[in-house]
PDB file of N, CA and C in Angstrom:
ATOM      1  N   MET A   1     -28.495  13.067  23.323  1.00  0.00           N
ATOM      2  CA  MET A   1     -27.362  13.229  22.083  1.00  0.00           C
ATOM      3  C   MET A   1     -28.546  12.420  21.076  1.00  0.00           C
ATOM      4  N   SER A   2     -28.266  12.497  19.548  1.00  0.00           N
ATOM      5  CA  SER A   2     -28.644  11.299  18.446  1.00  0.00           C
ATOM      6  C   SER A   2     -27.234  10.906  18.679  1.00  0.00           C
ATOM      7  N   ALA A   3     -26.949   9.409  17.561  1.00  0.00           N
ATOM      8  CA  ALA A   3     -26.025   9.129  17.392  1.00  0.00           C
ATOM      9  C   ALA A   3     -25.517   9.473  16.256  1.00  0.00           C
ATOM     10  N   PRO A   4     -23.985   9.145  15.584  1.00  0.00           N
ATOM     11  CA  PRO A   4     -23.339  10.191  14.305  1.00  0.00           C
ATOM     12  C   PRO A   4     -24.289   9.261  13.764  1.00  0.00           C
ATOM     13  N   GLN A   5     -24.705  10.708  12.636  1.00  0.00           N
ATOM     14  CA  GLN A   5     -24.958  10.413  11.215  1.00  0.00           C
ATOM     15  C   GLN A   5     -23.940   9.403  10.344  1.00  0.00           C
ATOM     16  N   GLU A   6     -24.523   8.453   9.677  1.00  0.00           N
ATOM     17  CA  GLU A   6     -23.251   8.027   8.414  1.00  0.00           C
ATOM     18  C   GLU A   6     -22.358   9.465   7.749  1.00  0.00           C
ATOM     19  N   LYS A   7     -23.684   9.745   7.743  1.00  0.00           N
ATOM     20  CA  LYS A   7     -22.596  11.494   6.594  1.00  0.00           C
ATOM     21  C   LYS A   7     -21.749  12.085   7.625  1.00  0.00           C
ATOM     22  N   ASP A   8     -22.031  12.097   9.138  1.00  0.00           N
ATOM     23  CA  ASP A   8     -21.217  13.172   8.980  1.00  0.00           C
ATOM     24  C   ASP A   8     -19.524  12.045   9.806  1.00  0.00           C
ATOM     25  N   ARG A   9     -19.965  11.034   9.687  1.00  0.00           N
ATOM     26  CA  ARG A   9     -18.401  10.718  10.102  1.00  0.00           C
ATOM     27  C   ARG A   9     -17.181  10.790   8.719  1.00  0.00           C
ATOM     28  N   PRO A  10     -16.508  10.917   9.227  1.00  0.00           N
ATOM     29  CA  PRO A  10     -14.860  11.427   8.103  1.00  0.00           C
ATOM     30  C   PRO A  10     -15.197   9.628   6.924  1.00  0.00           C
ATOM     31  N   ASP A  11     -14.700  10.554   5.808  1.00  0.00           N
ATOM     32  CA  ASP A  11     -14.776   9.410   4.748  1.00  0.00           C
ATOM     33  C   ASP A  11     -12.834   9.086   5.424  1.00  0.00           C
ATOM     34  N   PRO A  12     -12.540   7.492   5.432  1.00  0.00           N
ATOM     35  CA  PRO A  12     -11.264   6.890   5.556  1.00  0.00           C
ATOM     36  C   PRO A  12     -10.460   7.497   4.320  1.00  0.00           C
ATOM     37  N   PRO A  13      -9.201   7.594   4.218  1.00  0.00           N
ATOM     38  CA  PRO A  13      -8.410   8.082   3.779  1.00  0.00           C
ATOM     39  C   PRO A  13      -8.648   7.314   2.930  1.00  0.00           C
ATOM     40  N   ARG A  14      -8.223   8.132   1.204  1.00  0.00           N
ATOM     41  CA  ARG A  14      -8.264   6.956   0.262  1.00  0.00           C
ATOM     42  C   ARG A  14      -6.950   6.359   0.136  1.00  0.00           C
ATOM     43  N   TRP A  15      -6.490   4.991  -1.176  1.00  0.00           N
ATOM     44  CA  TRP A  15      -5.070   4.605  -1.159  1.00  0.00           C
ATOM     45  C   TRP A  15      -4.846   5.470  -1.649  1.00  0.00           C
ATOM     46  N   ASP A  16      -5.582   5.695  -3.527  1.00  0.00           N
ATOM     47  CA  ASP A  16      -5.369   6.157  -4.196  1.00  0.00           C
ATOM     48  C   ASP A  16      -4.608   7.224  -4.021  1.00  0.00           C
ATOM     49  N   ARG A  17      -5.432   8.289  -3.570  1.00  0.00           N
ATOM     50  CA  ARG A  17      -4.781   9.673  -2.743  1.00  0.00           C
ATOM     51  C   ARG A  17      -3.945   9.447  -1.856  1.00  0.00           C
ATOM     52  N   VAL A  18      -3.498   9.466  -1.143  1.00  0.00           N
ATOM     53  CA  VAL A  18      -2.402   9.067   0.939  1.00  0.00           C
ATOM     54  C   VAL A  18      -1.171   8.243  -0.630  1.00  0.00           C
ATOM     55  N   TYR A  19      -1.727   7.178  -0.534  1.00  0.00           N
ATOM     56  CA  TYR A  19      -0.107   5.761  -1.176  1.00  0.00           C
ATOM     57  C   TYR A  19      -0.333   5.952  -2.619  1.00  0.00           C
ATOM     58  N   TYR A  20      -0.967   6.246  -3.729  1.00  0.00           N
ATOM     59  CA  TYR A  20      -0.643   6.380  -4.445  1.00  0.00           C
ATOM     60  C   TYR A  20       0.739   6.075  -5.316  1.00  0.00           C
ATOM     61  N   GLN A  21       1.589   6.906  -4.639  1.00  0.00           N
ATOM     62  CA  GLN A  21       3.197   7.225  -4.948  1.00  0.00           C
ATOM     63  C   GLN A  21       3.393   5.352  -4.835  1.00  0.00           C
ATOM     64  N   TYR A  22       3.477   4.788  -3.531  1.00  0.00           N
ATOM     65  CA  TYR A  22       3.846   4.108  -3.213  1.00  0.00           C
ATOM     66  C   TYR A  22       3.957   2.595  -3.565  1.00  0.00           C
ATOM     67  N   ALA A  23       1.933   2.051  -3.715  1.00  0.00           N
ATOM     68  CA  ALA A  23       1.238   1.763  -4.442  1.00  0.00           C
ATOM     69  C   ALA A  23       1.461   1.466  -6.471  1.00  0.00           C
ATOM     70  N   ASN A  24       1.899   3.124  -6.863  1.00  0.00           N
ATOM     71  CA  ASN A  24       2.933   3.092  -8.381  1.00  0.00           C
ATOM     72  C   ASN A  24       3.954   1.413  -8.525  1.00  0.00           C
ATOM     73  N   ARG A  25       5.390   2.179  -7.304  1.00  0.00           N
ATOM     74  CA  ARG A  25       6.723   1.772  -7.079  1.00  0.00           C
ATOM     75  C   ARG A  25       6.470   0.185  -6.793  1.00  0.00           C
ATOM     76  N   LEU A  26       5.145  -0.611  -6.306  1.00  0.00           N
ATOM     77  CA  LEU A  26       4.846  -1.377  -6.038  1.00  0.00           C
ATOM     78  C   LEU A  26       4.323  -2.053  -6.955  1.00  0.00           C
ATOM     79  N   ALA A  27       4.165  -1.797  -8.015  1.00  0.00           N
ATOM     80  CA  ALA A  27       3.012  -2.152  -8.990  1.00  0.00           C
ATOM     81  C   ALA A  27       4.746  -2.348  -9.635  1.00  0.00           C
ATOM     82  N   HIS A  28       5.282  -1.358 -10.222  1.00  0.00           N
ATOM     83  CA  HIS A  28       6.302  -2.129 -11.326  1.00  0.00           C
ATOM     84  C   HIS A  28       7.553  -2.576 -10.827  1.00  0.00           C
ATOM     85  N   LEU A  29       7.425  -3.199  -9.256  1.00  0.00           N
ATOM     86  CA  LEU A  29       8.686  -3.655  -8.682  1.00  0.00           C
ATOM     87  C   LEU A  29       7.905  -4.989  -9.406  1.00  0.00           C
ATOM     88  N   TRP A  30       6.455  -5.222  -9.262  1.00  0.00           N
ATOM     89  CA  TRP A  30       6.161  -6.696  -9.492  1.00  0.00           C
ATOM     90  C   TRP A  30       6.283  -7.037 -11.104  1.00  0.00           C
ATOM     91  N   PHE A  31       6.051  -5.559 -11.570  1.00  0.00           N
ATOM     92  CA  PHE A  31       5.624  -5.770 -13.625  1.00  0.00           C
ATOM     93  C   PHE A  31       7.319  -6.762 -13.452  1.00  0.00           C
ATOM     94  N   LEU A  32       8.296  -5.924 -13.353  1.00  0.00           N
ATOM     95  CA  LEU A  32       9.355  -5.951 -13.152  1.00  0.00           C
ATOM     96  C   LEU A  32      10.239  -7.310 -12.915  1.00  0.00           C
ATOM     97  N   ARG A  33       9.474  -7.336 -11.825  1.00  0.00           N
ATOM     98  CA  ARG A  33      10.300  -8.882 -11.162  1.00  0.00           C
ATOM     99  C   ARG A  33       9.263  -9.873 -11.659  1.00  0.00           C
ATOM    100  N   ALA A  34       7.883  -9.999 -12.307  1.00  0.00           N
ATOM    101  CA  ALA A  34       7.051 -10.518 -13.702  1.00  0.00           C
ATOM    102  C   ALA A  34       8.418 -11.051 -14.862  1.00  0.00           C
ATOM    103  N   GLN A  35       8.997 -10.850 -15.423  1.00  0.00           N
ATOM    104  CA  GLN A  35       9.381 -10.003 -16.469  1.00  0.00           C
ATOM    105  C   GLN A  35      10.591 -10.718 -16.473  1.00  0.00           C
ATOM    106  N   GLY A  36      10.924 -10.811 -15.634  1.00  0.00           N
ATOM    107  CA  GLY A  36      11.980 -11.567 -14.924  1.00  0.00           C
ATOM    108  C   GLY A  36      13.691 -10.629 -14.694  1.00  0.00           C
ATOM    109  N   VAL A  37      13.030  -9.667 -14.346  1.00  0.00           N
ATOM    110  CA  VAL A  37      14.552  -8.425 -14.076  1.00  0.00           C
ATOM    111  C   VAL A  37      14.478  -8.895 -12.429  1.00  0.00           C
ATOM    112  N   ASP A  38      15.730  -8.447 -12.214  1.00  0.00           N
ATOM    113  CA  ASP A  38      15.736  -9.574 -11.086  1.00  0.00           C
ATOM    114  C   ASP A  38      15.416  -7.070 -10.211  1.00  0.00           C
ATOM    115  N   ALA A  39      14.182  -6.481  -9.452  1.00  0.00           N
ATOM    116  CA  ALA A  39      14.515  -5.624  -9.207  1.00  0.00           C
ATOM    117  C   ALA A  39      14.328  -5.652  -8.157  1.00  0.00           C
ATOM    118  N   HIS A  40      14.853  -4.404  -7.416  1.00  0.00           N
ATOM    119  CA  HIS A  40      14.622  -4.217  -6.094  1.00  0.00           C
ATOM    120  C   HIS A  40      14.408  -2.870  -5.967  1.00  0.00           C
ATOM    121  N   LEU A  41      13.225  -2.561  -4.775  1.00  0.00           N
ATOM    122  CA  LEU A  41      13.154  -1.825  -4.229  1.00  0.00           C
ATOM    123  C   LEU A  41      13.765  -0.935  -3.326  1.00  0.00           C
ATOM    124  N   LEU A  42      13.886   0.475  -3.400  1.00  0.00           N
ATOM    125  CA  LEU A  42      14.755   0.885  -2.160  1.00  0.00           C
ATOM    126  C   LEU A  42      14.618   1.845  -2.113  1.00  0.00           C
ATOM    127  N   LEU A  43      13.195   2.190  -0.961  1.00  0.00           N
ATOM    128  CA  LEU A  43      12.953   2.840   0.588  1.00  0.00           C
ATOM    129  C   LEU A  43      13.669   4.360   0.374  1.00  0.00           C
ATOM    130  N   ILE A  44      14.264   4.886   0.786  1.00  0.00           N
ATOM    131  CA  ILE A  44      15.158   6.054   1.595  1.00  0.00           C
ATOM    132  C   ILE A  44      13.746   6.832   2.236  1.00  0.00           C
ATOM    133  N   GLY A  45      14.286   7.129   3.491  1.00  0.00           N
ATOM    134  CA  GLY A  45      13.728   8.231   4.362  1.00  0.00           C
ATOM    135  C   GLY A  45      14.292   8.804   5.590  1.00  0.00           C
ATOM    136  N   PHE A  46      14.791   9.603   5.020  1.00  0.00           N
ATOM    137  CA  PHE A  46      15.433  11.045   5.916  1.00  0.00           C
ATOM    138  C   PHE A  46      14.774  10.846   7.707  1.00  0.00           C
ATOM    139  N   LEU A  47      15.637  11.014   7.994  1.00  0.00           N
ATOM    140  CA  LEU A  47      15.436  11.412   9.124  1.00  0.00           C
ATOM    141  C   LEU A  47      15.640  12.715   9.670  1.00  0.00           C
ATOM    142  N   GLY A  48      15.484  13.111  10.621  1.00  0.00           N
ATOM    143  CA  GLY A  48      15.567  13.633  11.354  1.00  0.00           C
ATOM    144  C   GLY A  48      16.027  15.782  10.126  1.00  0.00           C
ATOM    145  N   ASP A  49      14.947  15.172   9.408  1.00  0.00           N
ATOM    146  CA  ASP A  49      14.701  16.263   8.005  1.00  0.00           C
ATOM    147  C   ASP A  49      13.262  17.282   8.436  1.00  0.00           C
ATOM    148  N   THR A  50      14.550  18.755   9.300  1.00  0.00           N
ATOM    149  CA  THR A  50      13.064  19.427  10.234  1.00  0.00           C
ATOM    150  C   THR A  50      12.236  20.838   8.740  1.00  0.00           C
ATOM    151  N   GLU A  51      13.620  20.925   7.648  1.00  0.00           N
ATOM    152  CA  GLU A  51      12.731  21.226   7.004  1.00  0.00           C
ATOM    153  C   GLU A  51      11.882  21.016   6.525  1.00  0.00           C
ATOM    154  N   ARG A  52      11.239  19.893   6.598  1.00  0.00           N
ATOM    155  CA  ARG A  52      10.160  18.715   5.839  1.00  0.00           C
ATOM    156  C   ARG A  52       9.097  18.525   7.244  1.00  0.00           C
ATOM    157  N   GLY A  53       9.738  18.513   8.201  1.00  0.00           N
ATOM    158  CA  GLY A  53       8.588  17.491   9.224  1.00  0.00           C
ATOM    159  C   GLY A  53       9.140  16.120   9.409  1.00  0.00           C
ATOM    160  N   GLY A  54       9.714  15.449   8.971  1.00  0.00           N
ATOM    161  CA  GLY A  54      10.178  14.596   9.012  1.00  0.00           C
ATOM    162  C   GLY A  54      10.510  13.686  10.402  1.00  0.00           C
ATOM    163  N   PRO A  55      10.523  12.301  10.454  1.00  0.00           N
ATOM    164  CA  PRO A  55      10.423  11.662  11.563  1.00  0.00           C
ATOM    165  C   PRO A  55      11.814  11.684  11.722  1.00  0.00           C
ATOM    166  N   SER A  56      12.468  11.361  13.455  1.00  0.00           N
ATOM    167  CA  SER A  56      13.699  11.567  13.517  1.00  0.00           C
ATOM    168  C   SER A  56      14.403  10.136  13.848  1.00  0.00           C
ATOM    169  N   GLU A  57      13.511   8.861  13.953  1.00  0.00           N
ATOM    170  CA  GLU A  57      13.098   7.475  14.066  1.00  0.00           C
ATOM    171  C   GLU A  57      13.379   6.532  13.243  1.00  0.00           C
ATOM    172  N   ALA A  58      13.713   6.097  12.748  1.00  0.00           N
ATOM    173  CA  ALA A  58      13.113   4.598  11.885  1.00  0.00           C
ATOM    174  C   ALA A  58      12.806   3.899  11.668  1.00  0.00           C
ATOM    175  N   GLU A  59      12.100   3.603  13.210  1.00  0.00           N
ATOM    176  CA  GLU A  59      10.756   2.800  13.731  1.00  0.00           C
ATOM    177  C   GLU A  59       9.556   3.811  12.875  1.00  0.00           C
ATOM    178  N   ASP A  60       9.708   4.868  12.947  1.00  0.00           N
ATOM    179  CA  ASP A  60       8.069   6.058  12.400  1.00  0.00           C
ATOM    180  C   ASP A  60       8.269   5.649  10.918  1.00  0.00           C
ATOM    181  N   TRP A  61       9.622   5.374  10.558  1.00  0.00           N
ATOM    182  CA  TRP A  61       9.956   5.278   9.227  1.00  0.00           C
ATOM    183  C   TRP A  61       8.351   4.618   8.538  1.00  0.00           C
ATOM    184  N   HIS A  62       8.652   2.751   9.464  1.00  0.00           N
ATOM    185  CA  HIS A  62       8.483   2.201   9.408  1.00  0.00           C
ATOM    186  C   HIS A  62       7.232   1.257   9.836  1.00  0.00           C
ATOM    187  N   ALA A  63       6.791   2.352  10.314  1.00  0.00           N
ATOM    188  CA  ALA A  63       5.602   1.873  11.179  1.00  0.00           C
ATOM    189  C   ALA A  63       4.618   2.917  10.348  1.00  0.00           C
ATOM    190  N   ALA A  64       5.032   3.887   9.501  1.00  0.00           N
ATOM    191  CA  ALA A  64       4.711   4.079   7.798  1.00  0.00           C
ATOM    192  C   ALA A  64       4.288   3.637   6.920  1.00  0.00           C
ATOM    193  N   TYR A  65       5.017   2.319   7.068  1.00  0.00           N
ATOM    194  CA  TYR A  65       5.153   1.814   5.381  1.00  0.00           C
ATOM    195  C   TYR A  65       4.330   1.018   6.203  1.00  0.00           C
ATOM    196  N   ARG A  66       3.838   0.796   7.729  1.00  0.00           N
ATOM    197  CA  ARG A  66       2.757  -1.319   7.593  1.00  0.00           C
ATOM    198  C   ARG A  66       1.610  -0.495   7.398  1.00  0.00           C
ATOM    199  N   ARG A  67       2.017   0.933   7.751  1.00  0.00           N
ATOM    200  CA  ARG A  67       0.240   1.055   8.334  1.00  0.00           C
ATOM    201  C   ARG A  67       0.302   1.577   6.296  1.00  0.00           C
ATOM    202  N   ALA A  68       0.790   1.583   5.707  1.00  0.00           N
ATOM    203  CA  ALA A  68       1.141   1.959   3.843  1.00  0.00           C
ATOM    204  C   ALA A  68       0.688   0.599   3.819  1.00  0.00           C
ATOM    205  N   ASP A  69       0.641  -0.602   4.205  1.00  0.00           N
ATOM    206  CA  ASP A  69       0.887  -1.698   3.231  1.00  0.00           C
ATOM    207  C   ASP A  69      -0.941  -2.422   4.239  1.00  0.00           C
ATOM    208  N   ALA A  70      -0.702  -1.640   5.349  1.00  0.00           N
ATOM    209  CA  ALA A  70      -2.233  -2.041   5.455  1.00  0.00           C
ATOM    210  C   ALA A  70      -3.128  -1.878   5.325  1.00  0.00           C
ATOM    211  N   ALA A  71      -3.425  -0.131   4.569  1.00  0.00           N
ATOM    212  CA  ALA A  71      -3.895   0.584   3.642  1.00  0.00           C
ATOM    213  C   ALA A  71      -4.896  -0.091   2.456  1.00  0.00           C
ATOM    214  N   LEU A  72      -2.930  -0.733   1.745  1.00  0.00           N
ATOM    215  CA  LEU A  72      -3.395  -1.399   1.016  1.00  0.00           C
ATOM    216  C   LEU A  72      -3.487  -3.035   1.044  1.00  0.00           C
ATOM    217  N   GLY A  73      -4.088  -3.135   1.640  1.00  0.00           N
ATOM    218  CA  GLY A  73      -4.672  -4.608   2.321  1.00  0.00           C
ATOM    219  C   GLY A  73      -3.067  -5.884   1.826  1.00  0.00           C
ATOM    220  N   LEU A  74      -2.518  -5.663   2.191  1.00  0.00           N
ATOM    221  CA  LEU A  74      -1.643  -6.211   2.255  1.00  0.00           C
ATOM    222  C   LEU A  74      -0.591  -6.993   2.998  1.00  0.00           C
ATOM    223  N   PRO A  75      -0.642  -8.282   3.630  1.00  0.00           N
ATOM    224  CA  PRO A  75      -0.080  -8.460   4.900  1.00  0.00           C
ATOM    225  C   PRO A  75       1.294  -8.258   5.329  1.00  0.00           C
ATOM    226  N   ARG A  76       1.638  -8.222   6.240  1.00  0.00           N
ATOM    227  CA  ARG A  76       2.631  -7.615   7.089  1.00  0.00           C
ATOM    228  C   ARG A  76       4.074  -8.593   6.039  1.00  0.00           C
ATOM    229  N   ARG A  77       4.261 -10.024   5.438  1.00  0.00           N
ATOM    230  CA  ARG A  77       4.977 -10.984   4.970  1.00  0.00           C
ATOM    231  C   ARG A  77       4.350 -10.827   3.001  1.00  0.00           C
ATOM    232  N   HIS A  78       4.819 -10.047   2.438  1.00  0.00           N
ATOM    233  CA  HIS A  78       3.850 -10.501   1.021  1.00  0.00           C
ATOM    234  C   HIS A  78       4.888 -10.658  -0.244  1.00  0.00           C
ATOM    235  N   ALA A  79       4.489 -11.181  -0.785  1.00  0.00           N
ATOM    236  CA  ALA A  79       5.463 -12.054  -2.186  1.00  0.00           C
ATOM    237  C   ALA A  79       6.995 -10.846  -2.119  1.00  0.00           C
ATOM    238  N   LEU A  80       6.492  -9.447  -2.249  1.00  0.00           N
ATOM    239  CA  LEU A  80       7.274  -8.615  -2.756  1.00  0.00           C
ATOM    240  C   LEU A  80       8.436  -8.503  -1.876  1.00  0.00           C
ATOM    241  N   ALA A  81       7.983  -8.564  -0.461  1.00  0.00           N
ATOM    242  CA  ALA A  81       9.187  -8.500   1.002  1.00  0.00           C
ATOM    243  C   ALA A  81      10.066  -8.638   1.267  1.00  0.00           C
ATOM    244  N   PRO A  82      10.656  -9.274   0.831  1.00  0.00           N
ATOM    245  CA  PRO A  82      12.098  -9.599   0.479  1.00  0.00           C
ATOM    246  C   PRO A  82      12.767  -8.698  -0.395  1.00  0.00           C
ATOM    247  N   PHE A  83      12.197  -7.802  -1.172  1.00  0.00           N
ATOM    248  CA  PHE A  83      12.516  -7.130  -2.784  1.00  0.00           C
ATOM    249  C   PHE A  83      12.826  -5.959  -2.429  1.00  0.00           C
ATOM    250  N   ILE A  84      11.828  -5.021  -1.218  1.00  0.00           N
ATOM    251  CA  ILE A  84      12.043  -4.180  -0.636  1.00  0.00           C
ATOM    252  C   ILE A  84      12.965  -3.811   0.192  1.00  0.00           C
ATOM    253  N   HIS A  85      12.671  -2.921   0.781  1.00  0.00           N
ATOM    254  CA  HIS A  85      14.878  -2.703   1.513  1.00  0.00           C
ATOM    255  C   HIS A  85      14.496  -0.444   1.611  1.00  0.00           C
ATOM    256  N   HIS A  86      14.677  -0.274   3.085  1.00  0.00           N
ATOM    257  CA  HIS A  86      14.170   0.777   3.736  1.00  0.00           C
ATOM    258  C   HIS A  86      15.801   1.412   3.835  1.00  0.00           C
ATOM    259  N   LEU A  87      16.413   2.154   3.637  1.00  0.00           N
ATOM    260  CA  LEU A  87      17.208   2.957   4.198  1.00  0.00           C
ATOM    261  C   LEU A  87      17.399   3.941   4.540  1.00  0.00           C
ATOM    262  N   PRO A  88      17.432   4.982   6.098  1.00  0.00           N
ATOM    263  CA  PRO A  88      16.644   5.270   7.297  1.00  0.00           C
ATOM    264  C   PRO A  88      18.423   6.668   7.259  1.00  0.00           C
ATOM    265  N   PRO A  89      18.905   6.885   6.377  1.00  0.00           N
ATOM    266  CA  PRO A  89      19.711   8.048   7.144  1.00  0.00           C
ATOM    267  C   PRO A  89      19.563   9.344   7.424  1.00  0.00           C
ATOM    268  N   ASP A  90      20.080   9.803   8.565  1.00  0.00           N
ATOM    269  CA  ASP A  90      19.709  11.034   8.652  1.00  0.00           C
ATOM    270  C   ASP A  90      20.668  11.583   8.332  1.00  0.00           C
ATOM    271  N   THR A  91      20.131  12.571   8.571  1.00  0.00           N
ATOM    272  CA  THR A  91      19.985  14.041   7.389  1.00  0.00           C
ATOM    273  C   THR A  91      21.514  14.591   8.377  1.00  0.00           C
ATOM    274  N   ALA A  92      21.830  14.635   9.674  1.00  0.00           N
ATOM    275  CA  ALA A  92      22.965  15.325  10.242  1.00  0.00           C
ATOM    276  C   ALA A  92      23.791  14.471  10.616  1.00  0.00           C
ATOM    277  N   VAL A  93      23.755  14.314   9.413  1.00  0.00           N
ATOM    278  CA  VAL A  93      25.418  13.678   9.144  1.00  0.00           C
ATOM    279  C   VAL A  93      25.844  13.631   7.225  1.00  0.00           C
ATOM    280  N   LEU A  94      24.765  14.518   6.758  1.00  0.00           N
ATOM    281  CA  LEU A  94      24.928  14.736   5.440  1.00  0.00           C
ATOM    282  C   LEU A  94      25.866  15.898   5.257  1.00  0.00           C
ATOM    283  N   THR A  95      26.167  15.936   4.585  1.00  0.00           N
ATOM    284  CA  THR A  95      27.215  17.436   4.258  1.00  0.00           C
ATOM    285  C   THR A  95      26.694  17.810   2.961  1.00  0.00           C
ATOM    286  N   THR A  96      26.859  19.820   2.496  1.00  0.00           N
ATOM    287  CA  THR A  96      26.738  19.825   1.738  1.00  0.00           C
ATOM    288  C   THR A  96      28.489  19.605   1.513  1.00  0.00           C
ATOM    289  N   PRO A  97      29.020  18.753  -0.319  1.00  0.00           N
ATOM    290  CA  PRO A  97      30.371  19.239  -0.899  1.00  0.00           C
ATOM    291  C   PRO A  97      31.335  20.689  -1.385  1.00  0.00           C
ATOM    292  N   ALA A  98      32.166  20.478  -1.165  1.00  0.00           N
ATOM    293  CA  ALA A  98      32.948  22.338  -1.745  1.00  0.00           C
ATOM    294  C   ALA A  98      32.248  22.481  -2.608  1.00  0.00           C
ATOM    295  N   SER A  99      32.240  23.617  -2.793  1.00  0.00           N
ATOM    296  CA  SER A  99      31.577  24.059  -4.262  1.00  0.00           C
ATOM    297  C   SER A  99      32.105  23.384  -5.086  1.00  0.00           C
ATOM    298  N   GLY A 100      31.542  23.186  -6.145  1.00  0.00           N
ATOM    299  CA  GLY A 100      31.852  22.497  -7.897  1.00  0.00           C
ATOM    300  C   GLY A 100      30.883  20.834  -6.713  1.00  0.00           C
ATOM    301  N   GLY A 101      30.881  20.449  -6.684  1.00  0.00           N
ATOM    302  CA  GLY A 101      29.925  19.246  -6.423  1.00  0.00           C
ATOM    303  C   GLY A 101      28.830  19.128  -6.541  1.00  0.00           C
ATOM    304  N   GLY A 102      27.566  18.620  -5.969  1.00  0.00           N
ATOM    305  CA  GLY A 102      26.362  17.961  -7.314  1.00  0.00           C
ATOM    306  C   GLY A 102      25.168  18.058  -6.219  1.00  0.00           C
ATOM    307  N   PHE A 103      25.708  19.611  -5.420  1.00  0.00           N
ATOM    308  CA  PHE A 103      24.411  19.982  -4.535  1.00  0.00           C
ATOM    309  C   PHE A 103      24.471  21.328  -4.152  1.00  0.00           C
ATOM    310  N   SER A 104      23.052  21.386  -4.065  1.00  0.00           N
ATOM    311  CA  SER A 104      23.088  23.089  -4.203  1.00  0.00           C
ATOM    312  C   SER A 104      22.147  23.940  -3.124  1.00  0.00           C
TER     313      SER A 104
END
């Protein structure tokens, strides 16, 4: 059997397709901070979301963001890191308010 040809190998995911929204949020955070705004980025990653097939452990979200940072070429501790916050609420503790609330 011959070695796989270059054309036979799948292309790695392009960051601009996979991580575009995350990169855009980081760019806005950088822009606002460069303008003197005390901006912070809050990333909410719901746990146990069975409808969307999301992770059940916070570490899974943290690992996903580490992969995104690596794909974007960011080191583990970068200049914006102190201004990025992760919140992983568990959907099991979220409830729908009584009628008249803001949820549908």
